[in-house]
Amino acid sequence: GGCSVAAVTGGRWAVLTILFVHLVLAVEGLLWRAA
């Protein structure tokens, strides 16, 4: 819920921050050997 509120109220940079954090985690999880 906090991420949804941040995405709606924080504009593009909030969306980019949410995507960045979770994409880094996705790389760490899905491509863990390469990471």
Full PDB file with SEQRES, HELIX, SHEET, SSBOND, CRYST1, ORIGX, SCALE, CONECT and MASTER records, all heavy atoms in Angstrom:
SEQRES   1 A   35  GLY GLY CYS SER VAL ALA ALA VAL THR GLY GLY ARG TRP          
SEQRES   2 A   35  ALA VAL LEU THR ILE LEU PHE VAL HIS LEU VAL LEU ALA          
SEQRES   3 A   35  VAL GLU GLY LEU LEU TRP ARG ALA ALA                          
HELIX    1 AA1 GLY A    2  THR A    9  1                                   8    
HELIX    2 AA2 GLY A   11  LEU A   30  1                                  20    
CRYST1    1.000    1.000    1.000  90.00  90.00  90.00 P 1           1          
ORIGX1      1.000000  0.000000  0.000000        0.00000                         
ORIGX2      0.000000  1.000000  0.000000        0.00000                         
ORIGX3      0.000000  0.000000  1.000000        0.00000                         
SCALE1      1.000000  0.000000  0.000000        0.00000                         
SCALE2      0.000000  1.000000  0.000000        0.00000                         
SCALE3      0.000000  0.000000  1.000000        0.00000                         
ATOM      1  N   GLY A   1       0.818  -1.211   0.000  1.00  0.00           N  
ATOM      2  CA  GLY A   1       0.000   0.000   0.000  1.00  0.00           C  
ATOM      3  C   GLY A   1       0.848   1.255   0.000  1.00  0.00           C  
ATOM      4  O   GLY A   1       0.535   2.237  -0.692  1.00  0.00           O  
ATOM      5  N   GLY A   2       1.936   1.235   0.759  1.00  0.00           N  
ATOM      6  CA  GLY A   2       2.832   2.384   0.790  1.00  0.00           C  
ATOM      7  C   GLY A   2       3.461   2.652  -0.574  1.00  0.00           C  
ATOM      8  O   GLY A   2       3.598   3.813  -0.989  1.00  0.00           O  
ATOM      9  N   CYS A   3       3.832   1.587  -1.285  1.00  0.00           N  
ATOM     10  CA  CYS A   3       4.408   1.753  -2.618  1.00  0.00           C  
ATOM     11  C   CYS A   3       3.374   2.309  -3.595  1.00  0.00           C  
ATOM     12  O   CYS A   3       3.701   3.146  -4.448  1.00  0.00           O  
ATOM     13  CB  CYS A   3       4.966   0.423  -3.129  1.00  0.00           C  
ATOM     14  SG  CYS A   3       6.510  -0.075  -2.327  1.00  0.00           S  
ATOM     15  N   SER A   4       2.122   1.862  -3.496  1.00  0.00           N  
ATOM     16  CA  SER A   4       1.075   2.392  -4.364  1.00  0.00           C  
ATOM     17  C   SER A   4       0.860   3.874  -4.118  1.00  0.00           C  
ATOM     18  O   SER A   4       0.762   4.676  -5.055  1.00  0.00           O  
ATOM     19  CB  SER A   4      -0.242   1.632  -4.137  1.00  0.00           C  
ATOM     20  OG  SER A   4      -0.204   0.367  -4.755  1.00  0.00           O  
ATOM     21  N   VAL A   5       0.784   4.254  -2.844  1.00  0.00           N  
ATOM     22  CA  VAL A   5       0.589   5.669  -2.501  1.00  0.00           C  
ATOM     23  C   VAL A   5       1.774   6.500  -2.995  1.00  0.00           C  
ATOM     24  O   VAL A   5       1.605   7.585  -3.572  1.00  0.00           O  
ATOM     25  CB  VAL A   5       0.409   5.843  -0.985  1.00  0.00           C  
ATOM     26  CG1 VAL A   5       0.427   7.316  -0.603  1.00  0.00           C  
ATOM     27  CG2 VAL A   5      -0.903   5.200  -0.539  1.00  0.00           C  
ATOM     28  N   ALA A   6       2.981   5.981  -2.803  1.00  0.00           N  
ATOM     29  CA  ALA A   6       4.172   6.705  -3.249  1.00  0.00           C  
ATOM     30  C   ALA A   6       4.180   6.865  -4.766  1.00  0.00           C  
ATOM     31  O   ALA A   6       4.537   7.927  -5.291  1.00  0.00           O  
ATOM     32  CB  ALA A   6       5.430   5.973  -2.796  1.00  0.00           C  
ATOM     33  N   ALA A   7       3.778   5.806  -5.485  1.00  0.00           N  
ATOM     34  CA  ALA A   7       3.776   5.868  -6.944  1.00  0.00           C  
ATOM     35  C   ALA A   7       2.784   6.904  -7.459  1.00  0.00           C  
ATOM     36  O   ALA A   7       3.040   7.592  -8.450  1.00  0.00           O  
ATOM     37  CB  ALA A   7       3.446   4.493  -7.523  1.00  0.00           C  
ATOM     38  N   VAL A   8       1.630   7.015  -6.790  1.00  0.00           N  
ATOM     39  CA  VAL A   8       0.593   7.951  -7.231  1.00  0.00           C  
ATOM     40  C   VAL A   8       0.932   9.384  -6.847  1.00  0.00           C  
ATOM     41  O   VAL A   8       0.713  10.317  -7.619  1.00  0.00           O  
ATOM     42  CB  VAL A   8      -0.775   7.545  -6.645  1.00  0.00           C  
ATOM     43  CG1 VAL A   8      -1.822   8.623  -6.894  1.00  0.00           C  
ATOM     44  CG2 VAL A   8      -1.232   6.226  -7.259  1.00  0.00           C  
ATOM     45  N   THR A   9       1.466   9.566  -5.660  1.00  0.00           N  
ATOM     46  CA  THR A   9       1.702  10.928  -5.157  1.00  0.00           C  
ATOM     47  C   THR A   9       3.109  11.452  -5.440  1.00  0.00           C  
ATOM     48  O   THR A   9       3.325  12.660  -5.462  1.00  0.00           O  
ATOM     49  CB  THR A   9       1.452  10.986  -3.640  1.00  0.00           C  
ATOM     50  OG1 THR A   9       2.367  10.098  -2.967  1.00  0.00           O  
ATOM     51  CG2 THR A   9       0.025  10.579  -3.319  1.00  0.00           C  
ATOM     52  N   GLY A  10       4.059  10.550  -5.637  1.00  0.00           N  
ATOM     53  CA  GLY A  10       5.451  10.971  -5.769  1.00  0.00           C  
ATOM     54  C   GLY A  10       5.919  11.229  -7.184  1.00  0.00           C  
ATOM     55  O   GLY A  10       7.050  11.673  -7.386  1.00  0.00           O  
ATOM     56  N   GLY A  11       5.071  10.913  -8.165  1.00  0.00           N  
ATOM     57  CA  GLY A  11       5.441  11.188  -9.544  1.00  0.00           C  
ATOM     58  C   GLY A  11       6.451  10.203 -10.108  1.00  0.00           C  
ATOM     59  O   GLY A  11       6.691   9.121  -9.561  1.00  0.00           O  
ATOM     60  N   ARG A  12       7.076  10.609 -11.194  1.00  0.00           N  
ATOM     61  CA  ARG A  12       7.950   9.711 -11.959  1.00  0.00           C  
ATOM     62  C   ARG A  12       9.137   9.209 -11.135  1.00  0.00           C  
ATOM     63  O   ARG A  12       9.505   8.043 -11.226  1.00  0.00           O  
ATOM     64  CB  ARG A  12       8.454  10.423 -13.208  1.00  0.00           C  
ATOM     65  CG  ARG A  12       9.363   9.549 -14.073  1.00  0.00           C  
ATOM     66  CD  ARG A  12       9.714  10.230 -15.376  1.00  0.00           C  
ATOM     67  NE  ARG A  12      10.614   9.425 -16.186  1.00  0.00           N  
ATOM     68  CZ  ARG A  12      10.258   8.396 -16.939  1.00  0.00           C  
ATOM     69  NH1 ARG A  12       8.985   8.037 -16.976  1.00  0.00           N  
ATOM     70  NH2 ARG A  12      11.146   7.712 -17.647  1.00  0.00           N  
ATOM     71  N   TRP A  13       9.740  10.066 -10.325  1.00  0.00           N  
ATOM     72  CA  TRP A  13      10.918   9.630  -9.579  1.00  0.00           C  
ATOM     73  C   TRP A  13      10.569   8.592  -8.526  1.00  0.00           C  
ATOM     74  O   TRP A  13      11.368   7.696  -8.235  1.00  0.00           O  
ATOM     75  CB  TRP A  13      11.625  10.826  -8.958  1.00  0.00           C  
ATOM     76  CG  TRP A  13      12.363  11.617 -10.000  1.00  0.00           C  
ATOM     77  CD1 TRP A  13      12.032  12.833 -10.502  1.00  0.00           C  
ATOM     78  CD2 TRP A  13      13.537  11.217 -10.697  1.00  0.00           C  
ATOM     79  NE1 TRP A  13      12.923  13.232 -11.470  1.00  0.00           N  
ATOM     80  CE2 TRP A  13      13.867  12.256 -11.608  1.00  0.00           C  
ATOM     81  CE3 TRP A  13      14.361  10.085 -10.645  1.00  0.00           C  
ATOM     82  CZ2 TRP A  13      14.975  12.182 -12.462  1.00  0.00           C  
ATOM     83  CZ3 TRP A  13      15.472  10.017 -11.491  1.00  0.00           C  
ATOM     84  CH2 TRP A  13      15.765  11.048 -12.377  1.00  0.00           C  
ATOM     85  N   ALA A  14       9.371   8.675  -7.960  1.00  0.00           N  
ATOM     86  CA  ALA A  14       8.933   7.638  -7.017  1.00  0.00           C  
ATOM     87  C   ALA A  14       8.748   6.307  -7.736  1.00  0.00           C  
ATOM     88  O   ALA A  14       9.151   5.249  -7.233  1.00  0.00           O  
ATOM     89  CB  ALA A  14       7.638   8.063  -6.337  1.00  0.00           C  
ATOM     90  N   VAL A  15       8.143   6.360  -8.920  1.00  0.00           N  
ATOM     91  CA  VAL A  15       7.957   5.138  -9.712  1.00  0.00           C  
ATOM     92  C   VAL A  15       9.312   4.533 -10.069  1.00  0.00           C  
ATOM     93  O   VAL A  15       9.527   3.322  -9.944  1.00  0.00           O  
ATOM     94  CB  VAL A  15       7.145   5.436 -10.990  1.00  0.00           C  
ATOM     95  CG1 VAL A  15       7.141   4.224 -11.923  1.00  0.00           C  
ATOM     96  CG2 VAL A  15       5.720   5.823 -10.629  1.00  0.00           C  
ATOM     97  N   LEU A  16      10.241   5.374 -10.517  1.00  0.00           N  
ATOM     98  CA  LEU A  16      11.573   4.891 -10.880  1.00  0.00           C  
ATOM     99  C   LEU A  16      12.290   4.275  -9.680  1.00  0.00           C  
ATOM    100  O   LEU A  16      12.982   3.259  -9.806  1.00  0.00           O  
ATOM    101  CB  LEU A  16      12.405   6.034 -11.458  1.00  0.00           C  
ATOM    102  CG  LEU A  16      12.026   6.500 -12.865  1.00  0.00           C  
ATOM    103  CD1 LEU A  16      12.795   7.769 -13.227  1.00  0.00           C  
ATOM    104  CD2 LEU A  16      12.290   5.416 -13.892  1.00  0.00           C  
ATOM    105  N   THR A  17      12.134   4.879  -8.511  1.00  0.00           N  
ATOM    106  CA  THR A  17      12.775   4.337  -7.304  1.00  0.00           C  
ATOM    107  C   THR A  17      12.210   2.962  -6.952  1.00  0.00           C  
ATOM    108  O   THR A  17      12.960   2.016  -6.636  1.00  0.00           O  
ATOM    109  CB  THR A  17      12.585   5.298  -6.123  1.00  0.00           C  
ATOM    110  OG1 THR A  17      13.175   6.565  -6.440  1.00  0.00           O  
ATOM    111  CG2 THR A  17      13.231   4.741  -4.861  1.00  0.00           C  
ATOM    112  N   ILE A  18      10.885   2.836  -7.003  1.00  0.00           N  
ATOM    113  CA  ILE A  18      10.249   1.545  -6.709  1.00  0.00           C  
ATOM    114  C   ILE A  18      10.717   0.481  -7.697  1.00  0.00           C  
ATOM    115  O   ILE A  18      11.055  -0.650  -7.315  1.00  0.00           O  
ATOM    116  CB  ILE A  18       8.717   1.690  -6.742  1.00  0.00           C  
ATOM    117  CG1 ILE A  18       8.246   2.574  -5.589  1.00  0.00           C  
ATOM    118  CG2 ILE A  18       8.038   0.315  -6.669  1.00  0.00           C  
ATOM    119  CD1 ILE A  18       6.798   3.018  -5.707  1.00  0.00           C  
ATOM    120  N   LEU A  19      10.746   0.839  -8.983  1.00  0.00           N  
ATOM    121  CA  LEU A  19      11.203  -0.108  -9.997  1.00  0.00           C  
ATOM    122  C   LEU A  19      12.669  -0.466  -9.783  1.00  0.00           C  
ATOM    123  O   LEU A  19      13.037  -1.647  -9.829  1.00  0.00           O  
ATOM    124  CB  LEU A  19      11.009   0.488 -11.392  1.00  0.00           C  
ATOM    125  CG  LEU A  19       9.573   0.654 -11.884  1.00  0.00           C  
ATOM    126  CD1 LEU A  19       9.559   1.322 -13.253  1.00  0.00           C  
ATOM    127  CD2 LEU A  19       8.857  -0.687 -11.949  1.00  0.00           C  
ATOM    128  N   PHE A  20      13.509   0.518  -9.523  1.00  0.00           N  
ATOM    129  CA  PHE A  20      14.939   0.265  -9.339  1.00  0.00           C  
ATOM    130  C   PHE A  20      15.199  -0.711  -8.197  1.00  0.00           C  
ATOM    131  O   PHE A  20      15.916  -1.706  -8.357  1.00  0.00           O  
ATOM    132  CB  PHE A  20      15.670   1.581  -9.088  1.00  0.00           C  
ATOM    133  CG  PHE A  20      17.083   1.406  -8.591  1.00  0.00           C  
ATOM    134  CD1 PHE A  20      18.077   0.931  -9.436  1.00  0.00           C  
ATOM    135  CD2 PHE A  20      17.416   1.703  -7.277  1.00  0.00           C  
ATOM    136  CE1 PHE A  20      19.379   0.759  -8.970  1.00  0.00           C  
ATOM    137  CE2 PHE A  20      18.704   1.536  -6.807  1.00  0.00           C  
ATOM    138  CZ  PHE A  20      19.693   1.058  -7.660  1.00  0.00           C  
ATOM    139  N   VAL A  21      14.612  -0.431  -7.039  1.00  0.00           N  
ATOM    140  CA  VAL A  21      14.843  -1.286  -5.875  1.00  0.00           C  
ATOM    141  C   VAL A  21      14.432  -2.726  -6.156  1.00  0.00           C  
ATOM    142  O   VAL A  21      15.185  -3.672  -5.889  1.00  0.00           O  
ATOM    143  CB  VAL A  21      14.084  -0.733  -4.645  1.00  0.00           C  
ATOM    144  CG1 VAL A  21      14.091  -1.749  -3.506  1.00  0.00           C  
ATOM    145  CG2 VAL A  21      14.699   0.582  -4.189  1.00  0.00           C  
ATOM    146  N   HIS A  22      13.251  -2.900  -6.726  1.00  0.00           N  
ATOM    147  CA  HIS A  22      12.747  -4.260  -6.928  1.00  0.00           C  
ATOM    148  C   HIS A  22      13.413  -4.964  -8.106  1.00  0.00           C  
ATOM    149  O   HIS A  22      13.551  -6.198  -8.095  1.00  0.00           O  
ATOM    150  CB  HIS A  22      11.228  -4.230  -7.075  1.00  0.00           C  
ATOM    151  CG  HIS A  22      10.520  -3.939  -5.803  1.00  0.00           C  
ATOM    152  ND1 HIS A  22      10.247  -2.658  -5.388  1.00  0.00           N  
ATOM    153  CD2 HIS A  22      10.070  -4.756  -4.808  1.00  0.00           C  
ATOM    154  CE1 HIS A  22       9.641  -2.695  -4.212  1.00  0.00           C  
ATOM    155  NE2 HIS A  22       9.517  -3.952  -3.842  1.00  0.00           N  
ATOM    156  N   LEU A  23      13.846  -4.217  -9.112  1.00  0.00           N  
ATOM    157  CA  LEU A  23      14.561  -4.838 -10.220  1.00  0.00           C  
ATOM    158  C   LEU A  23      15.943  -5.316  -9.773  1.00  0.00           C  
ATOM    159  O   LEU A  23      16.405  -6.376 -10.202  1.00  0.00           O  
ATOM    160  CB  LEU A  23      14.678  -3.866 -11.388  1.00  0.00           C  
ATOM    161  CG  LEU A  23      13.376  -3.585 -12.149  1.00  0.00           C  
ATOM    162  CD1 LEU A  23      13.585  -2.514 -13.203  1.00  0.00           C  
ATOM    163  CD2 LEU A  23      12.823  -4.853 -12.779  1.00  0.00           C  
ATOM    164  N   VAL A  24      16.612  -4.540  -8.926  1.00  0.00           N  
ATOM    165  CA  VAL A  24      17.896  -5.004  -8.373  1.00  0.00           C  
ATOM    166  C   VAL A  24      17.689  -6.296  -7.581  1.00  0.00           C  
ATOM    167  O   VAL A  24      18.452  -7.263  -7.717  1.00  0.00           O  
ATOM    168  CB  VAL A  24      18.538  -3.917  -7.491  1.00  0.00           C  
ATOM    169  CG1 VAL A  24      19.707  -4.492  -6.686  1.00  0.00           C  
ATOM    170  CG2 VAL A  24      19.025  -2.755  -8.345  1.00  0.00           C  
ATOM    171  N   LEU A  25      16.644  -6.331  -6.769  1.00  0.00           N  
ATOM    172  CA  LEU A  25      16.354  -7.548  -6.004  1.00  0.00           C  
ATOM    173  C   LEU A  25      16.008  -8.711  -6.922  1.00  0.00           C  
ATOM    174  O   LEU A  25      16.402  -9.865  -6.660  1.00  0.00           O  
ATOM    175  CB  LEU A  25      15.201  -7.290  -5.029  1.00  0.00           C  
ATOM    176  CG  LEU A  25      15.494  -6.329  -3.874  1.00  0.00           C  
ATOM    177  CD1 LEU A  25      14.243  -6.121  -3.024  1.00  0.00           C  
ATOM    178  CD2 LEU A  25      16.640  -6.847  -3.009  1.00  0.00           C  
ATOM    179  N   ALA A  26      15.266  -8.435  -8.007  1.00  0.00           N  
ATOM    180  CA  ALA A  26      14.925  -9.492  -8.954  1.00  0.00           C  
ATOM    181  C   ALA A  26      16.176 -10.073  -9.600  1.00  0.00           C  
ATOM    182  O   ALA A  26      16.298 -11.295  -9.778  1.00  0.00           O  
ATOM    183  CB  ALA A  26      13.958  -8.960 -10.018  1.00  0.00           C  
ATOM    184  N   VAL A  27      17.132  -9.205  -9.963  1.00  0.00           N  
ATOM    185  CA  VAL A  27      18.396  -9.681 -10.524  1.00  0.00           C  
ATOM    186  C   VAL A  27      19.136 -10.528  -9.499  1.00  0.00           C  
ATOM    187  O   VAL A  27      19.662 -11.608  -9.817  1.00  0.00           O  
ATOM    188  CB  VAL A  27      19.270  -8.495 -10.977  1.00  0.00           C  
ATOM    189  CG1 VAL A  27      20.677  -8.963 -11.345  1.00  0.00           C  
ATOM    190  CG2 VAL A  27      18.632  -7.788 -12.160  1.00  0.00           C  
ATOM    191  N   GLU A  28      19.168 -10.072  -8.261  1.00  0.00           N  
ATOM    192  CA  GLU A  28      19.858 -10.823  -7.208  1.00  0.00           C  
ATOM    193  C   GLU A  28      19.217 -12.196  -6.983  1.00  0.00           C  
ATOM    194  O   GLU A  28      19.914 -13.161  -6.653  1.00  0.00           O  
ATOM    195  CB  GLU A  28      19.834 -10.029  -5.893  1.00  0.00           C  
ATOM    196  CG  GLU A  28      20.658  -8.752  -5.913  1.00  0.00           C  
ATOM    197  CD  GLU A  28      22.147  -9.024  -5.731  1.00  0.00           C  
ATOM    198  OE1 GLU A  28      22.535 -10.188  -5.528  1.00  0.00           O  
ATOM    199  OE2 GLU A  28      22.916  -8.051  -5.808  1.00  0.00           O  
ATOM    200  N   GLY A  29      17.896 -12.275  -7.152  1.00  0.00           N  
ATOM    201  CA  GLY A  29      17.218 -13.540  -6.925  1.00  0.00           C  
ATOM    202  C   GLY A  29      17.205 -14.452  -8.127  1.00  0.00           C  
ATOM    203  O   GLY A  29      17.569 -15.632  -8.044  1.00  0.00           O  
ATOM    204  N   LEU A  30      16.805 -13.921  -9.289  1.00  0.00           N  
ATOM    205  CA  LEU A  30      16.645 -14.754 -10.484  1.00  0.00           C  
ATOM    206  C   LEU A  30      17.980 -15.070 -11.153  1.00  0.00           C  
ATOM    207  O   LEU A  30      18.149 -16.139 -11.736  1.00  0.00           O  
ATOM    208  CB  LEU A  30      15.724 -14.047 -11.487  1.00  0.00           C  
ATOM    209  CG  LEU A  30      14.287 -13.814 -11.014  1.00  0.00           C  
ATOM    210  CD1 LEU A  30      13.526 -12.978 -12.040  1.00  0.00           C  
ATOM    211  CD2 LEU A  30      13.565 -15.127 -10.765  1.00  0.00           C  
ATOM    212  N   LEU A  31      18.919 -14.139 -11.088  1.00  0.00           N  
ATOM    213  CA  LEU A  31      20.235 -14.327 -11.723  1.00  0.00           C  
ATOM    214  C   LEU A  31      21.324 -14.337 -10.662  1.00  0.00           C  
ATOM    215  O   LEU A  31      22.363 -13.705 -10.803  1.00  0.00           O  
ATOM    216  CB  LEU A  31      20.489 -13.193 -12.732  1.00  0.00           C  
ATOM    217  CG  LEU A  31      19.436 -13.018 -13.825  1.00  0.00           C  
ATOM    218  CD1 LEU A  31      19.756 -11.806 -14.684  1.00  0.00           C  
ATOM    219  CD2 LEU A  31      19.323 -14.268 -14.688  1.00  0.00           C  
ATOM    220  N   TRP A  32      21.089 -15.057  -9.591  1.00  0.00           N  
ATOM    221  CA  TRP A  32      21.934 -14.939  -8.418  1.00  0.00           C  
ATOM    222  C   TRP A  32      23.386 -15.347  -8.682  1.00  0.00           C  
ATOM    223  O   TRP A  32      24.314 -14.744  -8.145  1.00  0.00           O  
ATOM    224  CB  TRP A  32      21.363 -15.761  -7.267  1.00  0.00           C  
ATOM    225  CG  TRP A  32      21.318 -17.227  -7.494  1.00  0.00           C  
ATOM    226  CD1 TRP A  32      20.369 -17.927  -8.178  1.00  0.00           C  
ATOM    227  CD2 TRP A  32      22.270 -18.196  -7.031  1.00  0.00           C  
ATOM    228  NE1 TRP A  32      20.666 -19.272  -8.184  1.00  0.00           N  
ATOM    229  CE2 TRP A  32      21.816 -19.454  -7.478  1.00  0.00           C  
ATOM    230  CE3 TRP A  32      23.437 -18.111  -6.280  1.00  0.00           C  
ATOM    231  CZ2 TRP A  32      22.507 -20.635  -7.202  1.00  0.00           C  
ATOM    232  CZ3 TRP A  32      24.133 -19.287  -5.991  1.00  0.00           C  
ATOM    233  CH2 TRP A  32      23.657 -20.521  -6.455  1.00  0.00           C  
ATOM    234  N   ARG A  33      23.611 -16.349  -9.524  1.00  0.00           N  
ATOM    235  CA  ARG A  33      24.999 -16.739  -9.810  1.00  0.00           C  
ATOM    236  C   ARG A  33      25.744 -15.605 -10.517  1.00  0.00           C  
ATOM    237  O   ARG A  33      26.871 -15.250 -10.144  1.00  0.00           O  
ATOM    238  CB  ARG A  33      25.029 -18.000 -10.673  1.00  0.00           C  
ATOM    239  CG  ARG A  33      24.592 -19.265  -9.947  1.00  0.00           C  
ATOM    240  CD  ARG A  33      24.768 -20.477 -10.836  1.00  0.00           C  
ATOM    241  NE  ARG A  33      24.241 -21.683 -10.229  1.00  0.00           N  
ATOM    242  CZ  ARG A  33      24.904 -22.452  -9.367  1.00  0.00           C  
ATOM    243  NH1 ARG A  33      26.139 -22.117  -9.015  1.00  0.00           N  
ATOM    244  NH2 ARG A  33      24.350 -23.527  -8.853  1.00  0.00           N  
ATOM    245  N   ALA A  34      25.112 -15.046 -11.554  1.00  0.00           N  
ATOM    246  CA  ALA A  34      25.747 -13.945 -12.283  1.00  0.00           C  
ATOM    247  C   ALA A  34      25.906 -12.716 -11.400  1.00  0.00           C  
ATOM    248  O   ALA A  34      26.918 -12.011 -11.475  1.00  0.00           O  
ATOM    249  CB  ALA A  34      24.917 -13.606 -13.525  1.00  0.00           C  
ATOM    250  N   ALA A  35      24.895 -12.453 -10.546  1.00  0.00           N  
ATOM    251  CA  ALA A  35      24.958 -11.282  -9.678  1.00  0.00           C  
ATOM    252  C   ALA A  35      26.110 -11.381  -8.686  1.00  0.00           C  
ATOM    253  O   ALA A  35      26.792 -10.389  -8.410  1.00  0.00           O  
ATOM    254  CB  ALA A  35      23.634 -11.112  -8.935  1.00  0.00           C  
TER     255      ALA A  35                                                      
MASTER        0    0    0    2    0    0    0    6  254    1    0    3          
END                                                                             
